[in-house]
N, C-alpha and C. Protein backbone atom coordinates (compact mmCIF):
# COMPACT_ATOMS: atom_id res chain seq x y z
N MET A 1 0.81 -1.26 0.04
CA MET A 1 -0.04 -0.09 -0.05
C MET A 1 0.83 1.18 0.03
N THR A 2 0.44 2.41 -0.63
CA THR A 2 1.18 3.55 -0.57
C THR A 2 1.47 4.19 0.90
N GLN A 3 2.73 4.57 0.97
CA GLN A 3 2.95 5.14 2.49
C GLN A 3 2.09 6.07 2.69
N GLY A 4 1.82 6.23 3.91
CA GLY A 4 1.22 7.35 4.39
C GLY A 4 -0.51 7.29 4.08
N ALA A 5 -1.00 6.46 3.61
CA ALA A 5 -2.38 6.16 3.21
C ALA A 5 -2.90 5.64 4.40
N ASP A 6 -4.40 5.72 4.50
CA ASP A 6 -5.17 5.24 5.48
C ASP A 6 -5.28 3.80 5.14
N ALA A 7 -5.03 3.01 5.85
CA ALA A 7 -5.14 1.42 5.69
C ALA A 7 -6.49 1.07 4.87
N ARG A 8 -7.47 1.79 5.17
CA ARG A 8 -8.79 1.43 4.30
C ARG A 8 -8.88 2.03 3.20
N THR A 9 -8.00 3.24 2.83
CA THR A 9 -7.93 3.73 1.44
C THR A 9 -7.31 2.94 0.11
N ILE A 10 -7.81 2.96 -0.61
CA ILE A 10 -7.23 2.19 -1.94
C ILE A 10 -6.52 3.28 -2.59
N ALA A 11 -5.28 2.82 -3.00
CA ALA A 11 -4.39 3.78 -3.99
C ALA A 11 -4.69 3.22 -5.37
N VAL A 12 -4.96 4.12 -6.14
CA VAL A 12 -5.31 3.47 -7.70
C VAL A 12 -4.08 4.27 -8.70
N LEU A 13 -3.65 3.50 -9.50
CA LEU A 13 -2.90 4.10 -10.56
C LEU A 13 -3.78 4.00 -11.89
N ILE A 14 -3.87 5.04 -12.34
CA ILE A 14 -4.60 5.05 -13.66
C ILE A 14 -3.58 5.35 -14.85
N VAL A 15 -3.70 3.98 -15.64
CA VAL A 15 -2.86 4.20 -17.04
C VAL A 15 -3.69 4.23 -18.00
N GLU A 16 -3.56 5.53 -18.97
CA GLU A 16 -4.56 5.54 -20.04
C GLU A 16 -3.81 6.93 -20.76
N ASP A 17 -3.86 6.62 -22.19
CA ASP A 17 -3.05 7.66 -22.93
C ASP A 17 -3.98 8.91 -23.30
N ARG A 18 -5.22 8.67 -23.38
CA ARG A 18 -6.02 10.01 -23.52
C ARG A 18 -6.44 10.77 -22.23
N PRO A 19 -5.95 11.84 -22.48
CA PRO A 19 -6.21 12.98 -21.13
C PRO A 19 -7.66 12.83 -20.93
N VAL A 20 -8.55 12.82 -21.68
CA VAL A 20 -9.94 12.87 -21.39
C VAL A 20 -10.44 11.89 -20.54
N ALA A 21 -10.07 10.80 -21.05
CA ALA A 21 -10.13 9.31 -20.34
C ALA A 21 -9.96 9.56 -19.02
N ARG A 22 -8.48 10.04 -18.83
CA ARG A 22 -7.93 9.97 -17.32
C ARG A 22 -8.52 10.76 -16.67
N LYS A 23 -9.22 11.94 -17.19
CA LYS A 23 -9.87 12.80 -16.41
C LYS A 23 -11.34 12.24 -15.83
N VAL A 24 -11.82 11.72 -16.84
CA VAL A 24 -12.97 10.96 -16.22
C VAL A 24 -12.93 9.99 -15.53
N LEU A 25 -11.81 9.07 -15.60
CA LEU A 25 -11.74 8.08 -14.43
C LEU A 25 -11.21 8.92 -13.10
N GLU A 26 -10.42 9.78 -13.13
CA GLU A 26 -10.20 10.52 -12.05
C GLU A 26 -11.27 11.00 -11.18
N THR A 27 -12.15 11.69 -12.07
CA THR A 27 -13.52 12.31 -11.42
C THR A 27 -14.53 11.14 -10.92
N GLU A 28 -14.76 10.15 -11.70
CA GLU A 28 -15.74 9.11 -11.21
C GLU A 28 -14.88 8.23 -10.20
N LEU A 29 -13.98 7.82 -10.14
CA LEU A 29 -13.31 7.24 -9.02
C LEU A 29 -12.89 8.08 -7.67
N GLY A 30 -12.85 9.39 -7.97
CA GLY A 30 -12.77 10.25 -6.91
C GLY A 30 -13.96 10.53 -5.99
N GLU A 31 -15.31 10.10 -6.65
CA GLU A 31 -16.49 10.23 -5.83
C GLU A 31 -16.74 9.07 -4.83
N ALA A 32 -15.94 7.95 -4.82
CA ALA A 32 -15.82 7.10 -3.88
C ALA A 32 -15.16 7.41 -2.72
N ASP A 33 -15.47 7.27 -1.30
CA ASP A 33 -14.64 7.89 -0.22
C ASP A 33 -13.46 6.94 -0.01
N ASP A 34 -13.41 5.78 -0.31
CA ASP A 34 -12.28 4.90 -0.04
C ASP A 34 -11.42 4.80 -0.89
N LEU A 35 -11.39 5.41 -2.34
CA LEU A 35 -10.42 5.36 -3.52
C LEU A 35 -9.65 6.71 -3.23
N ARG A 36 -8.48 6.49 -3.87
CA ARG A 36 -7.63 7.76 -3.95
C ARG A 36 -6.70 7.38 -5.38
N VAL A 37 -6.84 8.26 -6.00
CA VAL A 37 -6.08 8.17 -7.46
C VAL A 37 -4.78 8.66 -6.69
N ALA A 38 -3.61 7.63 -7.08
CA ALA A 38 -2.20 7.94 -6.47
C ALA A 38 -1.54 8.26 -7.74
N GLY A 39 -1.59 8.25 -8.80
CA GLY A 39 -1.08 8.80 -9.83
C GLY A 39 -1.62 8.35 -11.36
N PHE A 40 -0.94 8.66 -12.11
CA PHE A 40 -1.05 8.41 -13.70
C PHE A 40 -0.06 8.07 -14.51
N ALA A 41 -0.38 7.36 -15.65
CA ALA A 41 0.84 6.89 -16.45
C ALA A 41 0.12 7.10 -17.78
N LYS A 42 0.77 7.37 -19.01
CA LYS A 42 -0.03 7.64 -20.34
C LYS A 42 0.48 6.63 -21.35
N ASN A 43 1.35 5.44 -20.76
CA ASN A 43 1.54 4.43 -21.80
C ASN A 43 2.12 3.15 -20.57
N GLY A 44 2.48 2.09 -21.54
CA GLY A 44 2.79 0.73 -20.54
C GLY A 44 4.37 1.18 -20.05
N ARG A 45 5.13 1.87 -20.76
CA ARG A 45 6.55 1.90 -20.04
C ARG A 45 6.47 2.87 -18.79
N GLU A 46 5.48 3.91 -18.90
CA GLU A 46 5.22 4.72 -17.54
C GLU A 46 4.62 3.99 -16.41
N ALA A 47 3.81 3.05 -16.90
CA ALA A 47 2.94 2.31 -15.72
C ALA A 47 3.98 1.34 -15.13
N ILE A 48 4.67 0.74 -15.85
CA ILE A 48 5.82 -0.06 -15.01
C ILE A 48 6.56 0.82 -14.37
N GLU A 49 7.10 1.96 -14.50
CA GLU A 49 7.70 2.76 -13.29
C GLU A 49 6.84 3.12 -12.36
N ARG A 50 5.54 3.83 -12.75
CA ARG A 50 4.71 4.03 -11.60
C ARG A 50 4.58 3.12 -10.66
N VAL A 51 4.28 1.96 -10.81
CA VAL A 51 3.95 0.68 -10.20
C VAL A 51 5.10 0.69 -9.12
N LYS A 52 6.49 0.59 -9.62
CA LYS A 52 7.74 0.66 -9.00
C LYS A 52 7.66 1.71 -7.86
N GLU A 53 7.32 2.87 -8.45
CA GLU A 53 7.62 3.93 -7.62
C GLU A 53 6.48 4.31 -6.46
N LEU A 54 5.25 3.93 -6.96
CA LEU A 54 3.88 4.41 -6.03
C LEU A 54 3.46 3.31 -5.24
N SER A 55 3.82 2.14 -5.46
CA SER A 55 3.42 0.75 -5.00
C SER A 55 1.69 1.06 -4.83
N PRO A 56 0.94 0.89 -5.92
CA PRO A 56 -0.45 1.28 -5.78
C PRO A 56 -1.11 0.01 -5.49
N ASP A 57 -2.46 0.33 -4.71
CA ASP A 57 -3.03 -1.04 -4.19
C ASP A 57 -3.92 -1.74 -5.47
N VAL A 58 -4.15 -0.97 -6.86
CA VAL A 58 -4.65 -1.39 -7.92
C VAL A 58 -4.38 -0.46 -9.11
N VAL A 59 -4.29 -1.18 -10.29
CA VAL A 59 -3.98 -0.54 -11.40
C VAL A 59 -5.09 -0.58 -12.56
N ILE A 60 -5.63 0.55 -12.84
CA ILE A 60 -6.38 0.53 -14.07
C ILE A 60 -5.80 0.79 -15.23
N MET A 61 -5.67 -0.38 -16.38
CA MET A 61 -4.95 0.16 -17.55
C MET A 61 -5.69 -0.30 -18.79
N ASP A 62 -5.67 0.82 -19.51
CA ASP A 62 -5.92 0.55 -20.79
C ASP A 62 -5.17 -0.30 -21.61
N ILE A 63 -5.69 -0.87 -22.76
CA ILE A 63 -4.89 -2.00 -23.45
C ILE A 63 -4.13 -1.31 -24.53
N VAL A 64 -4.90 -0.35 -25.58
CA VAL A 64 -4.27 0.29 -26.73
C VAL A 64 -3.73 1.41 -26.07
N MET A 65 -2.45 1.85 -26.25
CA MET A 65 -1.59 2.73 -25.85
C MET A 65 -0.34 3.02 -26.83
N PRO A 66 0.14 4.11 -27.11
CA PRO A 66 1.55 4.21 -27.60
C PRO A 66 2.65 3.85 -26.68
N GLU A 67 3.86 3.67 -27.38
CA GLU A 67 5.05 3.29 -27.07
C GLU A 67 5.14 1.77 -26.50
N MET A 68 4.23 1.54 -25.42
CA MET A 68 3.94 0.07 -25.00
C MET A 68 2.37 -0.02 -24.42
N ASP A 69 1.82 -1.33 -25.26
CA ASP A 69 0.46 -1.41 -24.98
C ASP A 69 0.18 -1.97 -23.56
N GLY A 70 -1.06 -2.06 -23.04
CA GLY A 70 -1.32 -2.36 -21.90
C GLY A 70 -1.01 -4.16 -21.45
N LEU A 71 -1.26 -5.04 -22.63
CA LEU A 71 -0.92 -6.33 -22.39
C LEU A 71 0.60 -6.71 -22.08
N THR A 72 1.17 -5.80 -22.89
CA THR A 72 2.80 -5.91 -22.73
C THR A 72 3.25 -5.34 -21.33
N ALA A 73 2.60 -4.25 -20.83
CA ALA A 73 3.08 -3.77 -19.67
C ALA A 73 2.65 -4.69 -18.64
N LEU A 74 1.39 -5.31 -18.74
CA LEU A 74 0.82 -6.27 -17.57
C LEU A 74 1.96 -7.30 -17.77
N ALA A 75 2.30 -7.97 -18.80
CA ALA A 75 3.34 -9.00 -18.42
C ALA A 75 4.59 -8.74 -17.79
N GLU A 76 4.94 -7.59 -18.16
CA GLU A 76 6.38 -6.97 -17.31
C GLU A 76 5.93 -6.55 -15.97
N ILE A 77 4.69 -6.24 -15.71
CA ILE A 77 4.49 -5.91 -14.18
C ILE A 77 4.43 -7.12 -13.55
N ARG A 78 3.99 -8.20 -14.05
CA ARG A 78 3.68 -9.57 -13.22
C ARG A 78 5.05 -10.20 -12.94
N LYS A 79 5.99 -9.79 -13.69
CA LYS A 79 7.54 -10.16 -13.47
C LYS A 79 7.99 -9.84 -12.10
N PHE A 80 7.51 -8.73 -11.69
CA PHE A 80 7.77 -8.08 -10.05
C PHE A 80 6.70 -7.80 -9.26
N SER A 81 5.58 -7.88 -9.35
CA SER A 81 4.65 -7.27 -8.72
C SER A 81 3.15 -7.95 -8.87
N ASP A 82 2.55 -8.33 -7.87
CA ASP A 82 1.24 -9.17 -7.85
C ASP A 82 0.12 -8.10 -7.72
N VAL A 83 0.57 -6.85 -8.09
CA VAL A 83 -0.69 -5.85 -7.73
C VAL A 83 -1.97 -6.09 -8.62
N PRO A 84 -2.95 -5.85 -8.01
CA PRO A 84 -4.20 -6.31 -9.06
C PRO A 84 -4.25 -5.20 -10.10
N VAL A 85 -4.57 -5.73 -11.36
CA VAL A 85 -4.64 -4.80 -12.28
C VAL A 85 -5.87 -5.38 -13.07
N ILE A 86 -6.86 -4.11 -13.39
CA ILE A 86 -7.96 -4.35 -14.10
C ILE A 86 -7.71 -3.77 -15.57
N MET A 87 -8.01 -4.29 -16.61
CA MET A 87 -7.89 -3.74 -17.82
C MET A 87 -9.10 -3.23 -18.38
N LEU A 88 -8.70 -2.11 -19.36
CA LEU A 88 -9.76 -1.49 -20.02
C LEU A 88 -9.64 -1.53 -21.45
N SER A 89 -10.54 -1.73 -22.29
CA SER A 89 -10.59 -1.86 -23.78
C SER A 89 -11.85 -1.25 -24.43
N GLY A 90 -11.31 -0.29 -25.41
CA GLY A 90 -12.42 0.53 -26.18
C GLY A 90 -12.62 -0.35 -27.57
N SER A 91 -11.82 -1.57 -27.80
CA SER A 91 -11.83 -2.25 -28.94
C SER A 91 -13.04 -3.46 -28.69
N HIS A 92 -14.55 -3.15 -29.07
CA HIS A 92 -15.43 -3.99 -29.11
C HIS A 92 -15.35 -5.24 -30.13
N GLU A 93 -14.69 -4.71 -31.29
CA GLU A 93 -14.67 -5.99 -32.39
C GLU A 93 -13.90 -7.43 -31.84
N ASN A 94 -12.73 -7.07 -31.13
CA ASN A 94 -12.06 -8.33 -30.70
C ASN A 94 -12.21 -8.33 -29.08
N ALA A 95 -12.94 -8.17 -28.34
CA ALA A 95 -13.21 -7.75 -27.11
C ALA A 95 -12.84 -9.50 -26.36
N GLU A 96 -13.34 -10.46 -27.13
CA GLU A 96 -13.34 -11.68 -26.19
C GLU A 96 -11.92 -12.15 -26.40
N THR A 97 -11.21 -11.85 -27.60
CA THR A 97 -9.87 -12.30 -27.57
C THR A 97 -8.99 -11.29 -26.67
N LEU A 98 -9.12 -9.97 -26.58
CA LEU A 98 -8.55 -9.20 -25.80
C LEU A 98 -8.59 -9.71 -24.14
N GLN A 99 -9.65 -9.89 -23.90
CA GLN A 99 -10.20 -10.50 -22.40
C GLN A 99 -9.36 -11.54 -22.19
N HIS A 100 -9.39 -12.66 -22.99
CA HIS A 100 -8.80 -13.80 -22.81
C HIS A 100 -7.16 -13.56 -22.86
N LEU A 101 -6.55 -12.77 -23.75
CA LEU A 101 -4.95 -12.32 -23.34
C LEU A 101 -4.81 -11.61 -21.86
N ALA A 102 -5.72 -10.83 -21.68
CA ALA A 102 -5.60 -10.21 -20.54
C ALA A 102 -5.55 -11.05 -19.22
N LYS A 103 -6.43 -12.01 -19.27
CA LYS A 103 -6.64 -12.66 -18.21
C LYS A 103 -5.27 -13.79 -18.22
N LYS A 104 -4.81 -14.24 -19.56
CA LYS A 104 -3.76 -15.12 -19.47
C LYS A 104 -2.54 -14.52 -19.04
N ARG A 105 -2.41 -13.08 -19.29
CA ARG A 105 -1.13 -12.36 -18.60
C ARG A 105 -1.13 -11.95 -17.31
N GLY A 106 -2.45 -12.30 -16.61
CA GLY A 106 -2.54 -11.88 -15.24
C GLY A 106 -3.48 -10.86 -14.85
N ALA A 107 -4.28 -10.41 -15.59
CA ALA A 107 -5.27 -9.34 -15.21
C ALA A 107 -6.41 -10.10 -14.28
N ASP A 108 -6.85 -9.21 -13.37
CA ASP A 108 -7.72 -9.62 -12.38
C ASP A 108 -8.98 -9.29 -12.96
N ALA A 109 -9.28 -8.28 -13.84
CA ALA A 109 -10.58 -7.95 -14.36
C ALA A 109 -10.53 -7.48 -15.77
N PHE A 110 -11.54 -7.32 -16.39
CA PHE A 110 -11.35 -6.84 -17.75
C PHE A 110 -12.64 -6.14 -17.98
N PHE A 111 -12.95 -4.84 -18.42
CA PHE A 111 -13.90 -3.87 -18.73
C PHE A 111 -13.95 -3.27 -20.30
N LEU A 112 -14.99 -3.32 -20.99
CA LEU A 112 -15.13 -2.65 -22.07
C LEU A 112 -15.54 -1.05 -21.83
N LYS A 113 -14.77 -0.37 -22.48
CA LYS A 113 -15.10 1.05 -22.35
C LYS A 113 -16.65 1.27 -23.20
N PRO A 114 -17.68 1.89 -22.70
CA PRO A 114 -19.02 2.03 -23.14
C PRO A 114 -18.98 2.49 -24.41
N SER A 115 -18.31 3.48 -24.78
CA SER A 115 -18.17 4.14 -26.03
C SER A 115 -17.20 4.08 -26.89
N GLY A 116 -16.35 3.01 -26.73
CA GLY A 116 -15.10 2.49 -27.35
C GLY A 116 -13.91 3.62 -27.04
N PRO A 117 -13.02 3.57 -28.12
CA PRO A 117 -11.76 4.49 -27.70
C PRO A 117 -12.13 5.71 -26.94
N VAL A 118 -13.08 6.46 -27.37
CA VAL A 118 -13.13 7.81 -26.94
C VAL A 118 -13.35 7.99 -25.30
N SER A 119 -14.12 6.95 -24.94
CA SER A 119 -14.16 6.85 -23.17
C SER A 119 -14.94 8.05 -22.37
N VAL A 120 -15.66 8.61 -23.24
CA VAL A 120 -16.33 10.03 -22.15
C VAL A 120 -17.39 9.34 -21.49
N ASP A 121 -17.78 8.40 -21.46
CA ASP A 121 -19.10 7.85 -20.95
C ASP A 121 -18.70 6.62 -19.90
N LEU A 122 -17.76 6.56 -19.37
CA LEU A 122 -16.84 5.48 -18.32
C LEU A 122 -18.05 5.66 -17.14
N TYR A 123 -18.46 6.68 -16.96
CA TYR A 123 -19.50 6.86 -15.78
C TYR A 123 -20.86 5.55 -15.82
N ARG A 124 -20.68 4.97 -17.15
CA ARG A 124 -21.86 4.06 -17.09
C ARG A 124 -21.32 2.69 -16.49
N ILE A 125 -19.96 2.53 -16.39
CA ILE A 125 -19.59 1.24 -15.73
C ILE A 125 -18.89 1.54 -14.45
N LYS A 126 -19.03 3.00 -14.14
CA LYS A 126 -18.49 3.09 -12.57
C LYS A 126 -18.84 2.33 -11.46
N ASP A 127 -20.14 2.02 -11.37
CA ASP A 127 -20.47 1.36 -10.00
C ASP A 127 -19.80 -0.06 -10.02
N GLU A 128 -19.81 -0.79 -11.16
CA GLU A 128 -19.39 -2.12 -11.36
C GLU A 128 -17.86 -1.95 -11.29
N LEU A 129 -17.08 -0.91 -11.93
CA LEU A 129 -15.93 -0.78 -11.77
C LEU A 129 -15.12 -0.53 -10.25
N VAL A 130 -16.18 0.33 -9.69
CA VAL A 130 -15.75 0.59 -8.21
C VAL A 130 -15.80 -0.62 -7.21
N ALA A 131 -16.86 -1.46 -7.61
CA ALA A 131 -17.09 -2.66 -6.69
C ALA A 131 -15.99 -3.48 -7.28
N THR A 132 -15.48 -3.82 -8.47
CA THR A 132 -14.31 -4.41 -8.91
C THR A 132 -13.31 -4.10 -8.16
N ILE A 133 -12.93 -2.87 -8.09
CA ILE A 133 -11.75 -2.45 -7.44
C ILE A 133 -11.77 -2.94 -5.89
N ARG A 134 -12.70 -2.89 -5.33
CA ARG A 134 -12.68 -3.08 -3.94
C ARG A 134 -12.60 -4.53 -3.92
N ASP A 135 -13.19 -5.24 -4.61
CA ASP A 135 -13.13 -6.98 -4.57
C ASP A 135 -11.66 -7.30 -4.77
N VAL A 136 -11.03 -6.91 -5.76
CA VAL A 136 -9.71 -7.47 -6.23
C VAL A 136 -8.59 -7.15 -5.01
N VAL A 137 -8.89 -5.82 -4.57
CA VAL A 137 -8.04 -5.32 -3.34
C VAL A 137 -8.13 -5.99 -2.12
N ALA A 138 -9.49 -6.15 -1.85
CA ALA A 138 -9.83 -7.06 -0.56
C ALA A 138 -9.23 -8.41 -0.86
N ARG A 139 -9.31 -9.02 -1.83
CA ARG A 139 -8.71 -10.43 -2.14
C ARG A 139 -7.15 -10.38 -1.93
N GLU A 140 -6.53 -9.27 -2.38
CA GLU A 140 -5.22 -9.22 -2.42
C GLU A 140 -4.61 -8.94 -1.06
N ARG A 141 -5.16 -8.04 -0.34
CA ARG A 141 -5.17 -7.65 1.27
C ARG A 141 -5.25 -9.10 2.02
N ALA A 142 -6.32 -9.74 1.73
CA ALA A 142 -6.44 -10.97 2.43
C ALA A 142 -5.43 -12.24 2.52
N ALA A 143 -4.55 -12.14 1.02
CA ALA A 143 -3.77 -13.11 0.83
C ALA A 143 -2.65 -13.07 1.56
């Protein structure tokens, strides 16, 4: 857990290349009293570094990003950390394949962005996303 955080607070790292989607996620997650956005990364390479630097309780990561995609970053993160990772994808055409690959590489959960890559209506999955965050972190803390 992030140093100095309340034991009940869940520190979230948001990994998303689109500034609008980052802001929407930050706003939506910020409405939950027990969640705190610990930081951001805009690609997979930054995600790996932020996980090492921040030791978040959970990572929410997009799959399609520049420099290094989320699936590659997830595989690299799994080499040194068991932090729960929730993958997001705006690609509805090959969602089943992406979900399978994400699970195979160690993702704890997978969500489709409601409006595809644009992600302006992530509020539509907010309740389920927040519940999933709480669930995967509770399982990790109990382990």
